[in-house]
């Protein structure tokens, strides 16, 4: 019965529970009927504790990167001054999106495998010159390195030293970590569907503070599909979305909410911590070197450096391909690698 079983250990997409697949396979409904409005309101409301938000969680049809871009184009404009904490590939992506829109970006570069400490951010902000900082962009959980940044402490620094919005990429951890936007000083928090929320790729989630909502209303950056004002108005007036939503995925999100509530949110968090510890101890036991220290290790992604398999003098591409072959031969295991700064490869689970 399990001969064709594939084991998916990539940091996203992640395995989808059978009951979520079943929920998504139900007959299609229209998106301009009351049944969909009830579904959207149910999911948006029940996701609030997952995001630690007192405001609705808005749902867009798009990837996690579309959520990042949405956070950018609704808050900053060409010529604005922002800070991006770059501790890996996805911190770099946040910065690159800002730069694409003509925003002046100061990058706080952190060594891959390390977390950004509050002291580093404080020193960086104090040494800036020029226009005031409009926003500080940070990555909650850096997928490419398996590092969980101290989002609460970084938020305290941002709010103590600046009037900037604190905008956080939670794509690879929301659904697996505790967060409280008000206590953590977060103004905008985004994620995607395909990681800890146990859904296929295709949904972007975003929620924001009252301060951020005012900035969104006043932002002059040209945008259309990603204009949050359209989503705010559509939800407030019609409990709907301004454009065709991914209805089946939202139905799946309702089932995910059911699963979270049945397990209990505190138990969801404990389960992720337990699986993190088991994964790390298992990898250590077979001699595979981990990229991150235990103190900053992500509860949702673990990064491995597979030097163990590299013969002396062989390039890193050889060690990576060997590691990949061994994974494929063992129960059809699927995992992912990320390019690092030295053009080697990090394996993320």
C-alpha atoms as a PDB file:
ATOM      1  CA  UNK A   1       0.000   0.000   0.000  1.00  0.00           C
ATOM      2  CA  UNK A   2       2.912   2.370   0.693  1.00  0.00           C
ATOM      3  CA  UNK A   3       5.193   1.411  -2.204  1.00  0.00           C
ATOM      4  CA  UNK A   4       4.587   4.737  -3.971  1.00  0.00           C
ATOM      5  CA  UNK A   5       4.734   6.831  -0.818  1.00  0.00           C
ATOM      6  CA  UNK A   6       6.872   9.964  -1.220  1.00  0.00           C
ATOM      7  CA  UNK A   7       8.299  11.750   1.792  1.00  0.00           C
ATOM      8  CA  UNK A   8       8.293  15.490   1.329  1.00  0.00           C
ATOM      9  CA  UNK A   9      10.762  17.267   3.618  1.00  0.00           C
ATOM     10  CA  UNK A  10      11.174  20.536   1.734  1.00  0.00           C
ATOM     11  CA  UNK A  11      10.583  23.733   3.734  1.00  0.00           C
ATOM     12  CA  UNK A  12       7.705  24.446   1.340  1.00  0.00           C
ATOM     13  CA  UNK A  13       5.553  23.111  -0.110  1.00  0.00           C
ATOM     14  CA  UNK A  14       4.959  20.851   2.850  1.00  0.00           C
ATOM     15  CA  UNK A  15       2.794  17.714   3.118  1.00  0.00           C
ATOM     16  CA  UNK A  16      -0.956  18.342   3.054  1.00  0.00           C
ATOM     17  CA  UNK A  17      -3.104  16.410   5.551  1.00  0.00           C
ATOM     18  CA  UNK A  18      -5.677  14.115   3.974  1.00  0.00           C
ATOM     19  CA  UNK A  19      -8.597  15.947   5.558  1.00  0.00           C
ATOM     20  CA  UNK A  20      -7.352  19.237   4.064  1.00  0.00           C
ATOM     21  CA  UNK A  21      -7.124  17.612   0.633  1.00  0.00           C
ATOM     22  CA  UNK A  22     -10.678  16.345   1.072  1.00  0.00           C
ATOM     23  CA  UNK A  23     -11.921  19.805   2.054  1.00  0.00           C
ATOM     24  CA  UNK A  24     -10.355  21.293  -1.064  1.00  0.00           C
ATOM     25  CA  UNK A  25     -11.977  18.662  -3.300  1.00  0.00           C
ATOM     26  CA  UNK A  26     -15.536  19.625  -2.428  1.00  0.00           C
ATOM     27  CA  UNK A  27     -17.787  21.001  -5.217  1.00  0.00           C
ATOM     28  CA  UNK A  28     -16.932  24.496  -6.380  1.00  0.00           C
ATOM     29  CA  UNK A  29     -19.001  27.491  -5.256  1.00  0.00           C
ATOM     30  CA  UNK A  30     -19.245  30.989  -6.671  1.00  0.00           C
ATOM     31  CA  UNK A  31     -17.260  33.770  -5.083  1.00  0.00           C
ATOM     32  CA  UNK A  32     -20.089  36.318  -5.171  1.00  0.00           C
ATOM     33  CA  UNK A  33     -22.536  34.328  -3.077  1.00  0.00           C
ATOM     34  CA  UNK A  34     -23.215  34.305   0.651  1.00  0.00           C
ATOM     35  CA  UNK A  35     -21.706  30.842   1.061  1.00  0.00           C
ATOM     36  CA  UNK A  36     -18.304  32.172   0.041  1.00  0.00           C
ATOM     37  CA  UNK A  37     -18.693  35.284   2.204  1.00  0.00           C
ATOM     38  CA  UNK A  38     -19.370  33.048   5.197  1.00  0.00           C
ATOM     39  CA  UNK A  39     -16.306  30.936   4.344  1.00  0.00           C
ATOM     40  CA  UNK A  40     -14.021  33.967   3.945  1.00  0.00           C
ATOM     41  CA  UNK A  41     -15.174  35.584   7.178  1.00  0.00           C
ATOM     42  CA  UNK A  42     -14.788  32.309   9.062  1.00  0.00           C
ATOM     43  CA  UNK A  43     -11.206  31.778   7.884  1.00  0.00           C
ATOM     44  CA  UNK A  44     -10.171  35.420   8.252  1.00  0.00           C
ATOM     45  CA  UNK A  45     -11.495  35.534  11.808  1.00  0.00           C
ATOM     46  CA  UNK A  46     -10.171  32.155  12.960  1.00  0.00           C
ATOM     47  CA  UNK A  47      -6.678  32.923  11.665  1.00  0.00           C
ATOM     48  CA  UNK A  48      -6.384  35.948  13.973  1.00  0.00           C
ATOM     49  CA  UNK A  49      -4.854  33.997  16.889  1.00  0.00           C
ATOM     50  CA  UNK A  50      -2.432  32.262  14.520  1.00  0.00           C
ATOM     51  CA  UNK A  51      -1.151  35.707  13.466  1.00  0.00           C
ATOM     52  CA  UNK A  52      -1.595  37.235  16.908  1.00  0.00           C
ATOM     53  CA  UNK A  53      -3.707  39.949  15.305  1.00  0.00           C
ATOM     54  CA  UNK A  54      -6.778  41.811  16.479  1.00  0.00           C
ATOM     55  CA  UNK A  55      -7.602  42.780  12.883  1.00  0.00           C
ATOM     56  CA  UNK A  56      -8.816  40.638   9.959  1.00  0.00           C
ATOM     57  CA  UNK A  57      -6.357  38.484   8.056  1.00  0.00           C
ATOM     58  CA  UNK A  58      -6.684  39.391   4.377  1.00  0.00           C
ATOM     59  CA  UNK A  59      -6.277  36.648   1.791  1.00  0.00           C
ATOM     60  CA  UNK A  60      -4.881  37.141  -1.716  1.00  0.00           C
ATOM     61  CA  UNK A  61      -4.431  34.619  -4.484  1.00  0.00           C
ATOM     62  CA  UNK A  62      -0.668  34.595  -4.870  1.00  0.00           C
ATOM     63  CA  UNK A  63       2.641  33.224  -3.637  1.00  0.00           C
ATOM     64  CA  UNK A  64       4.544  34.133  -0.510  1.00  0.00           C
ATOM     65  CA  UNK A  65       6.592  36.546  -2.592  1.00  0.00           C
ATOM     66  CA  UNK A  66       3.382  38.303  -3.615  1.00  0.00           C
ATOM     67  CA  UNK A  67       2.736  38.825   0.094  1.00  0.00           C
ATOM     68  CA  UNK A  68       6.177  40.430   0.466  1.00  0.00           C
ATOM     69  CA  UNK A  69       5.570  42.680  -2.531  1.00  0.00           C
ATOM     70  CA  UNK A  70       2.129  43.603  -1.190  1.00  0.00           C
ATOM     71  CA  UNK A  71       3.725  44.738   2.059  1.00  0.00           C
ATOM     72  CA  UNK A  72       6.165  46.912   0.116  1.00  0.00           C
ATOM     73  CA  UNK A  73       3.915  48.580  -2.473  1.00  0.00           C
ATOM     74  CA  UNK A  74       1.264  49.533   0.082  1.00  0.00           C
ATOM     75  CA  UNK A  75       3.615  51.259   2.508  1.00  0.00           C
ATOM     76  CA  UNK A  76       6.614  52.846   0.780  1.00  0.00           C
ATOM     77  CA  UNK A  77       7.172  54.894  -2.358  1.00  0.00           C
ATOM     78  CA  UNK A  78      10.046  55.725  -4.663  1.00  0.00           C
ATOM     79  CA  UNK A  79      12.674  57.706  -2.795  1.00  0.00           C
ATOM     80  CA  UNK A  80      11.600  56.603   0.673  1.00  0.00           C
ATOM     81  CA  UNK A  81      14.279  55.399   3.077  1.00  0.00           C
ATOM     82  CA  UNK A  82      13.973  51.891   4.558  1.00  0.00           C
ATOM     83  CA  UNK A  83      16.097  49.358   6.420  1.00  0.00           C
ATOM     84  CA  UNK A  84      16.121  45.669   5.510  1.00  0.00           C
ATOM     85  CA  UNK A  85      17.586  43.062   7.831  1.00  0.00           C
ATOM     86  CA  UNK A  86      19.253  40.570   5.488  1.00  0.00           C
ATOM     87  CA  UNK A  87      20.205  37.292   7.159  1.00  0.00           C
ATOM     88  CA  UNK A  88      19.665  35.010   4.181  1.00  0.00           C
ATOM     89  CA  UNK A  89      18.069  34.610   0.765  1.00  0.00           C
ATOM     90  CA  UNK A  90      14.632  35.872   1.757  1.00  0.00           C
ATOM     91  CA  UNK A  91      15.843  38.915   3.623  1.00  0.00           C
ATOM     92  CA  UNK A  92      17.664  39.678   0.392  1.00  0.00           C
ATOM     93  CA  UNK A  93      14.400  39.189  -1.511  1.00  0.00           C
ATOM     94  CA  UNK A  94      12.591  41.739   0.667  1.00  0.00           C
ATOM     95  CA  UNK A  95      15.389  44.232   0.006  1.00  0.00           C
ATOM     96  CA  UNK A  96      15.381  43.499  -3.733  1.00  0.00           C
ATOM     97  CA  UNK A  97      11.637  44.129  -3.991  1.00  0.00           C
ATOM     98  CA  UNK A  98      12.100  47.503  -2.289  1.00  0.00           C
ATOM     99  CA  UNK A  99      14.943  48.408  -4.631  1.00  0.00           C
ATOM    100  CA  UNK A 100      12.857  47.450  -7.674  1.00  0.00           C
ATOM    101  CA  UNK A 101      10.373  50.151  -6.682  1.00  0.00           C
ATOM    102  CA  UNK A 102      13.052  52.823  -6.345  1.00  0.00           C
ATOM    103  CA  UNK A 103      13.150  52.763  -2.556  1.00  0.00           C
ATOM    104  CA  UNK A 104      16.436  53.718  -0.873  1.00  0.00           C
ATOM    105  CA  UNK A 105      17.474  50.605   1.021  1.00  0.00           C
ATOM    106  CA  UNK A 106      20.026  50.318   3.794  1.00  0.00           C
ATOM    107  CA  UNK A 107      20.859  46.640   4.244  1.00  0.00           C
ATOM    108  CA  UNK A 108      21.844  45.308   7.637  1.00  0.00           C
ATOM    109  CA  UNK A 109      23.744  42.216   6.479  1.00  0.00           C
ATOM    110  CA  UNK A 110      23.956  39.345   8.957  1.00  0.00           C
ATOM    111  CA  UNK A 111      26.204  36.322   8.522  1.00  0.00           C
ATOM    112  CA  UNK A 112      24.277  33.351   7.162  1.00  0.00           C
ATOM    113  CA  UNK A 113      23.384  30.993   9.998  1.00  0.00           C
ATOM    114  CA  UNK A 114      23.275  33.758  12.601  1.00  0.00           C
ATOM    115  CA  UNK A 115      20.334  35.734  13.963  1.00  0.00           C
ATOM    116  CA  UNK A 116      20.141  39.509  13.994  1.00  0.00           C
ATOM    117  CA  UNK A 117      20.622  40.637  17.574  1.00  0.00           C
ATOM    118  CA  UNK A 118      18.881  43.710  19.015  1.00  0.00           C
ATOM    119  CA  UNK A 119      22.286  45.317  19.617  1.00  0.00           C
ATOM    120  CA  UNK A 120      23.258  44.959  15.958  1.00  0.00           C
ATOM    121  CA  UNK A 121      20.019  46.555  14.826  1.00  0.00           C
ATOM    122  CA  UNK A 122      20.303  49.346  17.390  1.00  0.00           C
ATOM    123  CA  UNK A 123      23.869  50.204  16.352  1.00  0.00           C
ATOM    124  CA  UNK A 124      22.870  50.132  12.691  1.00  0.00           C
ATOM    125  CA  UNK A 125      19.883  52.447  13.168  1.00  0.00           C
ATOM    126  CA  UNK A 126      21.859  54.890  15.316  1.00  0.00           C
ATOM    127  CA  UNK A 127      24.570  55.197  12.652  1.00  0.00           C
ATOM    128  CA  UNK A 128      22.184  55.986   9.795  1.00  0.00           C
ATOM    129  CA  UNK A 129      22.113  59.448   8.309  1.00  0.00           C
ATOM    130  CA  UNK A 130      19.778  61.249   5.943  1.00  0.00           C
ATOM    131  CA  UNK A 131      16.015  60.972   5.711  1.00  0.00           C
ATOM    132  CA  UNK A 132      14.040  59.306   8.507  1.00  0.00           C
ATOM    133  CA  UNK A 133      13.416  55.595   8.077  1.00  0.00           C
ATOM    134  CA  UNK A 134       9.909  54.900   6.731  1.00  0.00           C
ATOM    135  CA  UNK A 135       9.943  51.154   7.424  1.00  0.00           C
ATOM    136  CA  UNK A 136      12.115  48.380   8.800  1.00  0.00           C
ATOM    137  CA  UNK A 137      11.717  45.017   7.036  1.00  0.00           C
ATOM    138  CA  UNK A 138      12.706  41.830   8.834  1.00  0.00           C
ATOM    139  CA  UNK A 139      12.423  38.096   8.319  1.00  0.00           C
ATOM    140  CA  UNK A 140      10.879  36.208  11.227  1.00  0.00           C
ATOM    141  CA  UNK A 141      12.188  32.827  10.143  1.00  0.00           C
ATOM    142  CA  UNK A 142      14.918  32.744   7.479  1.00  0.00           C
ATOM    143  CA  UNK A 143      14.056  29.731   5.334  1.00  0.00           C
ATOM    144  CA  UNK A 144      17.445  29.526   3.669  1.00  0.00           C
ATOM    145  CA  UNK A 145      19.367  29.196   6.943  1.00  0.00           C
ATOM    146  CA  UNK A 146      16.898  27.800   9.476  1.00  0.00           C
ATOM    147  CA  UNK A 147      17.339  30.795  11.791  1.00  0.00           C
ATOM    148  CA  UNK A 148      14.546  32.226  13.939  1.00  0.00           C
ATOM    149  CA  UNK A 149      15.187  35.926  14.484  1.00  0.00           C
ATOM    150  CA  UNK A 150      14.246  37.568  17.829  1.00  0.00           C
ATOM    151  CA  UNK A 151      11.321  39.425  16.321  1.00  0.00           C
ATOM    152  CA  UNK A 152       9.982  40.784  19.612  1.00  0.00           C
ATOM    153  CA  UNK A 153      13.316  42.286  20.686  1.00  0.00           C
ATOM    154  CA  UNK A 154      13.978  43.714  17.221  1.00  0.00           C
ATOM    155  CA  UNK A 155      10.543  45.326  17.263  1.00  0.00           C
ATOM    156  CA  UNK A 156      11.309  47.002  20.579  1.00  0.00           C
ATOM    157  CA  UNK A 157      14.428  48.554  19.051  1.00  0.00           C
ATOM    158  CA  UNK A 158      12.555  49.757  15.958  1.00  0.00           C
ATOM    159  CA  UNK A 159       9.836  51.480  17.975  1.00  0.00           C
ATOM    160  CA  UNK A 160      12.238  52.978  20.526  1.00  0.00           C
ATOM    161  CA  UNK A 161      14.551  54.538  17.947  1.00  0.00           C
ATOM    162  CA  UNK A 162      12.268  55.343  14.997  1.00  0.00           C
ATOM    163  CA  UNK A 163       8.724  56.130  13.899  1.00  0.00           C
ATOM    164  CA  UNK A 164       9.025  53.493  11.174  1.00  0.00           C
ATOM    165  CA  UNK A 165       6.632  50.702  10.402  1.00  0.00           C
ATOM    166  CA  UNK A 166       7.915  47.289  11.452  1.00  0.00           C
ATOM    167  CA  UNK A 167       7.123  44.878   8.610  1.00  0.00           C
ATOM    168  CA  UNK A 168       7.766  41.157   9.076  1.00  0.00           C
ATOM    169  CA  UNK A 169       8.015  38.244   6.654  1.00  0.00           C
ATOM    170  CA  UNK A 170       6.558  35.229   8.448  1.00  0.00           C
ATOM    171  CA  UNK A 171       6.276  33.007   5.377  1.00  0.00           C
ATOM    172  CA  UNK A 172       8.073  29.945   6.721  1.00  0.00           C
ATOM    173  CA  UNK A 173       6.903  30.042  10.342  1.00  0.00           C
ATOM    174  CA  UNK A 174       3.382  31.421  10.799  1.00  0.00           C
ATOM    175  CA  UNK A 175       1.342  28.434  11.899  1.00  0.00           C
ATOM    176  CA  UNK A 176       4.268  27.026  13.867  1.00  0.00           C
ATOM    177  CA  UNK A 177       5.410  29.823  16.195  1.00  0.00           C
ATOM    178  CA  UNK A 178       3.739  32.029  18.812  1.00  0.00           C
ATOM    179  CA  UNK A 179       3.326  35.671  17.823  1.00  0.00           C
ATOM    180  CA  UNK A 180       1.433  38.670  19.156  1.00  0.00           C
ATOM    181  CA  UNK A 181       1.569  41.595  16.769  1.00  0.00           C
ATOM    182  CA  UNK A 182       0.827  44.242  19.374  1.00  0.00           C
ATOM    183  CA  UNK A 183       3.247  42.895  21.981  1.00  0.00           C
ATOM    184  CA  UNK A 184       5.896  42.245  19.317  1.00  0.00           C
ATOM    185  CA  UNK A 185       5.464  45.750  17.839  1.00  0.00           C
ATOM    186  CA  UNK A 186       4.680  44.344  14.378  1.00  0.00           C
ATOM    187  CA  UNK A 187       2.772  46.614  12.001  1.00  0.00           C
ATOM    188  CA  UNK A 188       2.466  44.239   9.049  1.00  0.00           C
ATOM    189  CA  UNK A 189       2.816  40.447   9.123  1.00  0.00           C
ATOM    190  CA  UNK A 190       2.643  38.288   5.989  1.00  0.00           C
ATOM    191  CA  UNK A 191       2.851  34.622   5.140  1.00  0.00           C
ATOM    192  CA  UNK A 192       2.107  32.088   2.411  1.00  0.00           C
ATOM    193  CA  UNK A 193      -0.074  29.006   2.426  1.00  0.00           C
ATOM    194  CA  UNK A 194       2.450  26.312   1.523  1.00  0.00           C
ATOM    195  CA  UNK A 195       4.501  25.972   4.687  1.00  0.00           C
ATOM    196  CA  UNK A 196       3.341  25.727   8.316  1.00  0.00           C
ATOM    197  CA  UNK A 197      -0.268  26.320   7.271  1.00  0.00           C
ATOM    198  CA  UNK A 198      -0.277  22.901   5.544  1.00  0.00           C
ATOM    199  CA  UNK A 199      -1.844  24.066   2.266  1.00  0.00           C
ATOM    200  CA  UNK A 200      -0.758  24.001  -1.383  1.00  0.00           C
ATOM    201  CA  UNK A 201       1.014  27.081  -2.755  1.00  0.00           C
ATOM    202  CA  UNK A 202      -1.328  29.802  -3.926  1.00  0.00           C
ATOM    203  CA  UNK A 203      -2.531  31.925  -1.009  1.00  0.00           C
ATOM    204  CA  UNK A 204      -0.895  35.010   0.474  1.00  0.00           C
ATOM    205  CA  UNK A 205      -2.024  36.182   3.913  1.00  0.00           C
ATOM    206  CA  UNK A 206      -1.508  39.666   5.331  1.00  0.00           C
ATOM    207  CA  UNK A 207      -2.677  41.484   8.426  1.00  0.00           C
ATOM    208  CA  UNK A 208      -1.712  44.855   9.819  1.00  0.00           C
ATOM    209  CA  UNK A 209      -1.974  47.311  12.694  1.00  0.00           C
ATOM    210  CA  UNK A 210      -4.151  50.409  12.774  1.00  0.00           C
ATOM    211  CA  UNK A 211      -1.034  52.540  12.221  1.00  0.00           C
ATOM    212  CA  UNK A 212      -0.153  50.531   9.129  1.00  0.00           C
ATOM    213  CA  UNK A 213      -3.719  50.818   7.813  1.00  0.00           C
ATOM    214  CA  UNK A 214      -3.405  54.613   7.850  1.00  0.00           C
ATOM    215  CA  UNK A 215      -0.124  54.405   5.922  1.00  0.00           C
ATOM    216  CA  UNK A 216      -1.710  51.999   3.417  1.00  0.00           C
ATOM    217  CA  UNK A 217      -4.584  54.415   2.832  1.00  0.00           C
ATOM    218  CA  UNK A 218      -2.182  57.301   2.159  1.00  0.00           C
ATOM    219  CA  UNK A 219       0.484  55.432   0.145  1.00  0.00           C
ATOM    220  CA  UNK A 220       0.956  56.899  -3.353  1.00  0.00           C
ATOM    221  CA  UNK A 221       2.743  53.950  -4.965  1.00  0.00           C
ATOM    222  CA  UNK A 222       0.882  52.817  -8.083  1.00  0.00           C
ATOM    223  CA  UNK A 223      -0.548  49.324  -7.740  1.00  0.00           C
ATOM    224  CA  UNK A 224      -3.670  47.485  -8.810  1.00  0.00           C
ATOM    225  CA  UNK A 225      -4.021  43.785  -7.960  1.00  0.00           C
ATOM    226  CA  UNK A 226      -1.904  44.176  -4.815  1.00  0.00           C
ATOM    227  CA  UNK A 227      -3.682  47.332  -3.615  1.00  0.00           C
ATOM    228  CA  UNK A 228      -4.744  46.506  -0.075  1.00  0.00           C
ATOM    229  CA  UNK A 229      -7.268  49.337  -0.051  1.00  0.00           C
ATOM    230  CA  UNK A 230      -9.321  47.290  -2.516  1.00  0.00           C
ATOM    231  CA  UNK A 231      -9.212  44.250  -0.224  1.00  0.00           C
ATOM    232  CA  UNK A 232     -10.087  46.313   2.842  1.00  0.00           C
ATOM    233  CA  UNK A 233     -13.088  47.881   1.091  1.00  0.00           C
ATOM    234  CA  UNK A 234     -14.316  44.613  -0.425  1.00  0.00           C
ATOM    235  CA  UNK A 235     -14.111  42.805   2.909  1.00  0.00           C
ATOM    236  CA  UNK A 236     -15.771  45.618   4.862  1.00  0.00           C
ATOM    237  CA  UNK A 237     -18.624  46.172   2.412  1.00  0.00           C
ATOM    238  CA  UNK A 238     -19.244  42.724   0.930  1.00  0.00           C
ATOM    239  CA  UNK A 239     -17.214  40.250   3.022  1.00  0.00           C
ATOM    240  CA  UNK A 240     -15.532  39.305  -0.220  1.00  0.00           C
ATOM    241  CA  UNK A 241     -12.389  39.852  -2.261  1.00  0.00           C
ATOM    242  CA  UNK A 242     -11.980  42.419  -5.061  1.00  0.00           C
ATOM    243  CA  UNK A 243     -10.726  39.772  -7.493  1.00  0.00           C
ATOM    244  CA  UNK A 244     -11.420  36.072  -8.062  1.00  0.00           C
ATOM    245  CA  UNK A 245     -10.106  34.181  -5.031  1.00  0.00           C
ATOM    246  CA  UNK A 246      -8.622  30.689  -4.804  1.00  0.00           C
ATOM    247  CA  UNK A 247     -11.842  29.268  -3.361  1.00  0.00           C
ATOM    248  CA  UNK A 248     -10.710  25.661  -2.918  1.00  0.00           C
ATOM    249  CA  UNK A 249      -7.577  26.705  -1.052  1.00  0.00           C
ATOM    250  CA  UNK A 250      -9.605  28.916   1.277  1.00  0.00           C
ATOM    251  CA  UNK A 251     -11.865  25.912   1.946  1.00  0.00           C
ATOM    252  CA  UNK A 252      -8.697  24.020   2.823  1.00  0.00           C
ATOM    253  CA  UNK A 253      -7.655  26.852   5.139  1.00  0.00           C
ATOM    254  CA  UNK A 254     -10.920  26.401   7.041  1.00  0.00           C
ATOM    255  CA  UNK A 255     -10.019  22.766   7.651  1.00  0.00           C
ATOM    256  CA  UNK A 256      -6.544  23.825   8.814  1.00  0.00           C
ATOM    257  CA  UNK A 257      -8.248  26.115  11.353  1.00  0.00           C
ATOM    258  CA  UNK A 258     -10.327  23.140  12.504  1.00  0.00           C
ATOM    259  CA  UNK A 259      -7.146  21.102  12.997  1.00  0.00           C
ATOM    260  CA  UNK A 260      -5.393  23.883  14.937  1.00  0.00           C
ATOM    261  CA  UNK A 261      -8.371  24.308  17.239  1.00  0.00           C
ATOM    262  CA  UNK A 262      -8.771  20.574  17.821  1.00  0.00           C
ATOM    263  CA  UNK A 263      -5.111  20.177  18.720  1.00  0.00           C
ATOM    264  CA  UNK A 264      -4.985  23.402  20.717  1.00  0.00           C
ATOM    265  CA  UNK A 265      -2.711  26.273  19.717  1.00  0.00           C
ATOM    266  CA  UNK A 266      -0.263  25.720  22.583  1.00  0.00           C
ATOM    267  CA  UNK A 267       0.079  22.087  21.543  1.00  0.00           C
ATOM    268  CA  UNK A 268       0.717  23.079  17.925  1.00  0.00           C
ATOM    269  CA  UNK A 269       3.650  25.188  19.115  1.00  0.00           C
ATOM    270  CA  UNK A 270       4.958  22.385  21.347  1.00  0.00           C
ATOM    271  CA  UNK A 271       4.735  19.890  18.481  1.00  0.00           C
ATOM    272  CA  UNK A 272       6.901  22.056  16.242  1.00  0.00           C
ATOM    273  CA  UNK A 273       9.484  22.483  18.991  1.00  0.00           C
ATOM    274  CA  UNK A 274       9.540  18.735  19.626  1.00  0.00           C
ATOM    275  CA  UNK A 275       9.982  17.908  15.938  1.00  0.00           C
ATOM    276  CA  UNK A 276      12.744  20.513  15.659  1.00  0.00           C
ATOM    277  CA  UNK A 277      14.627  18.986  18.570  1.00  0.00           C
ATOM    278  CA  UNK A 278      14.173  15.443  17.254  1.00  0.00           C
ATOM    279  CA  UNK A 279      15.379  16.452  13.783  1.00  0.00           C
ATOM    280  CA  UNK A 280      18.439  18.261  15.090  1.00  0.00           C
ATOM    281  CA  UNK A 281      19.427  15.479  17.479  1.00  0.00           C
ATOM    282  CA  UNK A 282      18.996  12.880  14.740  1.00  0.00           C
ATOM    283  CA  UNK A 283      21.181  14.802  12.316  1.00  0.00           C
ATOM    284  CA  UNK A 284      23.832  15.292  14.976  1.00  0.00           C
ATOM    285  CA  UNK A 285      23.765  11.576  15.750  1.00  0.00           C
ATOM    286  CA  UNK A 286      24.661  10.644  12.167  1.00  0.00           C
ATOM    287  CA  UNK A 287      27.376  13.288  11.996  1.00  0.00           C
ATOM    288  CA  UNK A 288      25.756  15.856   9.731  1.00  0.00           C
ATOM    289  CA  UNK A 289      26.817  19.410  10.649  1.00  0.00           C
ATOM    290  CA  UNK A 290      24.029  21.904  11.358  1.00  0.00           C
ATOM    291  CA  UNK A 291      24.297  25.479  10.167  1.00  0.00           C
ATOM    292  CA  UNK A 292      22.713  27.156  13.187  1.00  0.00           C
ATOM    293  CA  UNK A 293      23.230  27.042  16.928  1.00  0.00           C
ATOM    294  CA  UNK A 294      20.448  25.528  19.021  1.00  0.00           C
ATOM    295  CA  UNK A 295      19.704  28.931  20.589  1.00  0.00           C
ATOM    296  CA  UNK A 296      18.506  30.442  17.289  1.00  0.00           C
ATOM    297  CA  UNK A 297      17.240  27.275  15.614  1.00  0.00           C
ATOM    298  CA  UNK A 298      13.946  27.533  13.764  1.00  0.00           C
ATOM    299  CA  UNK A 299      11.059  25.297  14.888  1.00  0.00           C
ATOM    300  CA  UNK A 300       9.962  24.848  11.278  1.00  0.00           C
ATOM    301  CA  UNK A 301      13.153  24.608   9.144  1.00  0.00           C
ATOM    302  CA  UNK A 302      16.507  22.947   9.801  1.00  0.00           C
ATOM    303  CA  UNK A 303      19.566  23.732   7.658  1.00  0.00           C
ATOM    304  CA  UNK A 304      22.285  21.132   7.098  1.00  0.00           C
ATOM    305  CA  UNK A 305      25.794  21.490   5.706  1.00  0.00           C
ATOM    306  CA  UNK A 306      26.574  18.161   3.994  1.00  0.00           C
ATOM    307  CA  UNK A 307      30.373  18.418   4.044  1.00  0.00           C
ATOM    308  CA  UNK A 308      30.458  14.913   5.522  1.00  0.00           C
ATOM    309  CA  UNK A 309      29.937  13.495   2.046  1.00  0.00           C
ATOM    310  CA  UNK A 310      32.534  15.610   0.290  1.00  0.00           C
ATOM    311  CA  UNK A 311      35.845  14.032  -0.635  1.00  0.00           C
ATOM    312  CA  UNK A 312      38.886  16.214  -0.260  1.00  0.00           C
ATOM    313  CA  UNK A 313      39.425  18.356  -3.318  1.00  0.00           C
ATOM    314  CA  UNK A 314      35.963  17.848  -4.786  1.00  0.00           C
ATOM    315  CA  UNK A 315      33.818  20.929  -5.409  1.00  0.00           C
ATOM    316  CA  UNK A 316      30.749  21.536  -3.260  1.00  0.00           C
ATOM    317  CA  UNK A 317      28.473  20.732  -6.193  1.00  0.00           C
ATOM    318  CA  UNK A 318      29.736  17.137  -5.998  1.00  0.00           C
ATOM    319  CA  UNK A 319      28.895  16.828  -2.309  1.00  0.00           C
ATOM    320  CA  UNK A 320      25.439  18.229  -2.942  1.00  0.00           C
ATOM    321  CA  UNK A 321      24.640  15.906  -5.814  1.00  0.00           C
ATOM    322  CA  UNK A 322      25.794  12.902  -3.763  1.00  0.00           C
ATOM    323  CA  UNK A 323      23.578  13.986  -0.869  1.00  0.00           C
ATOM    324  CA  UNK A 324      20.636  14.432  -3.247  1.00  0.00           C
ATOM    325  CA  UNK A 325      21.104  10.972  -4.766  1.00  0.00           C
ATOM    326  CA  UNK A 326      21.178   9.333  -1.347  1.00  0.00           C
ATOM    327  CA  UNK A 327      17.950  11.110  -0.396  1.00  0.00           C
ATOM    328  CA  UNK A 328      16.222  10.001  -3.587  1.00  0.00           C
ATOM    329  CA  UNK A 329      17.241   6.386  -3.051  1.00  0.00           C
ATOM    330  CA  UNK A 330      15.931   6.348   0.509  1.00  0.00           C
ATOM    331  CA  UNK A 331      12.123   6.091   0.459  1.00  0.00           C
ATOM    332  CA  UNK A 332      11.806   8.763  -2.225  1.00  0.00           C
ATOM    333  CA  UNK A 333      12.716  11.504   0.225  1.00  0.00           C
ATOM    334  CA  UNK A 334      12.290  15.016  -1.170  1.00  0.00           C
ATOM    335  CA  UNK A 335      14.219  17.920   0.362  1.00  0.00           C
ATOM    336  CA  UNK A 336      15.579  21.242  -0.824  1.00  0.00           C
ATOM    337  CA  UNK A 337      18.896  22.998  -1.115  1.00  0.00           C
ATOM    338  CA  UNK A 338      19.652  26.720  -0.997  1.00  0.00           C
ATOM    339  CA  UNK A 339      22.652  28.492  -2.523  1.00  0.00           C
ATOM    340  CA  UNK A 340      24.741  30.230   0.065  1.00  0.00           C
ATOM    341  CA  UNK A 341      27.101  33.195  -0.295  1.00  0.00           C
ATOM    342  CA  UNK A 342      30.071  30.974  -1.108  1.00  0.00           C
ATOM    343  CA  UNK A 343      28.124  29.211  -3.885  1.00  0.00           C
ATOM    344  CA  UNK A 344      28.010  25.998  -1.930  1.00  0.00           C
ATOM    345  CA  UNK A 345      24.725  24.401  -0.944  1.00  0.00           C
ATOM    346  CA  UNK A 346      22.720  24.298   2.239  1.00  0.00           C
ATOM    347  CA  UNK A 347      20.113  21.587   2.621  1.00  0.00           C
ATOM    348  CA  UNK A 348      16.912  22.658   4.340  1.00  0.00           C
ATOM    349  CA  UNK A 349      14.445  20.248   5.928  1.00  0.00           C
END
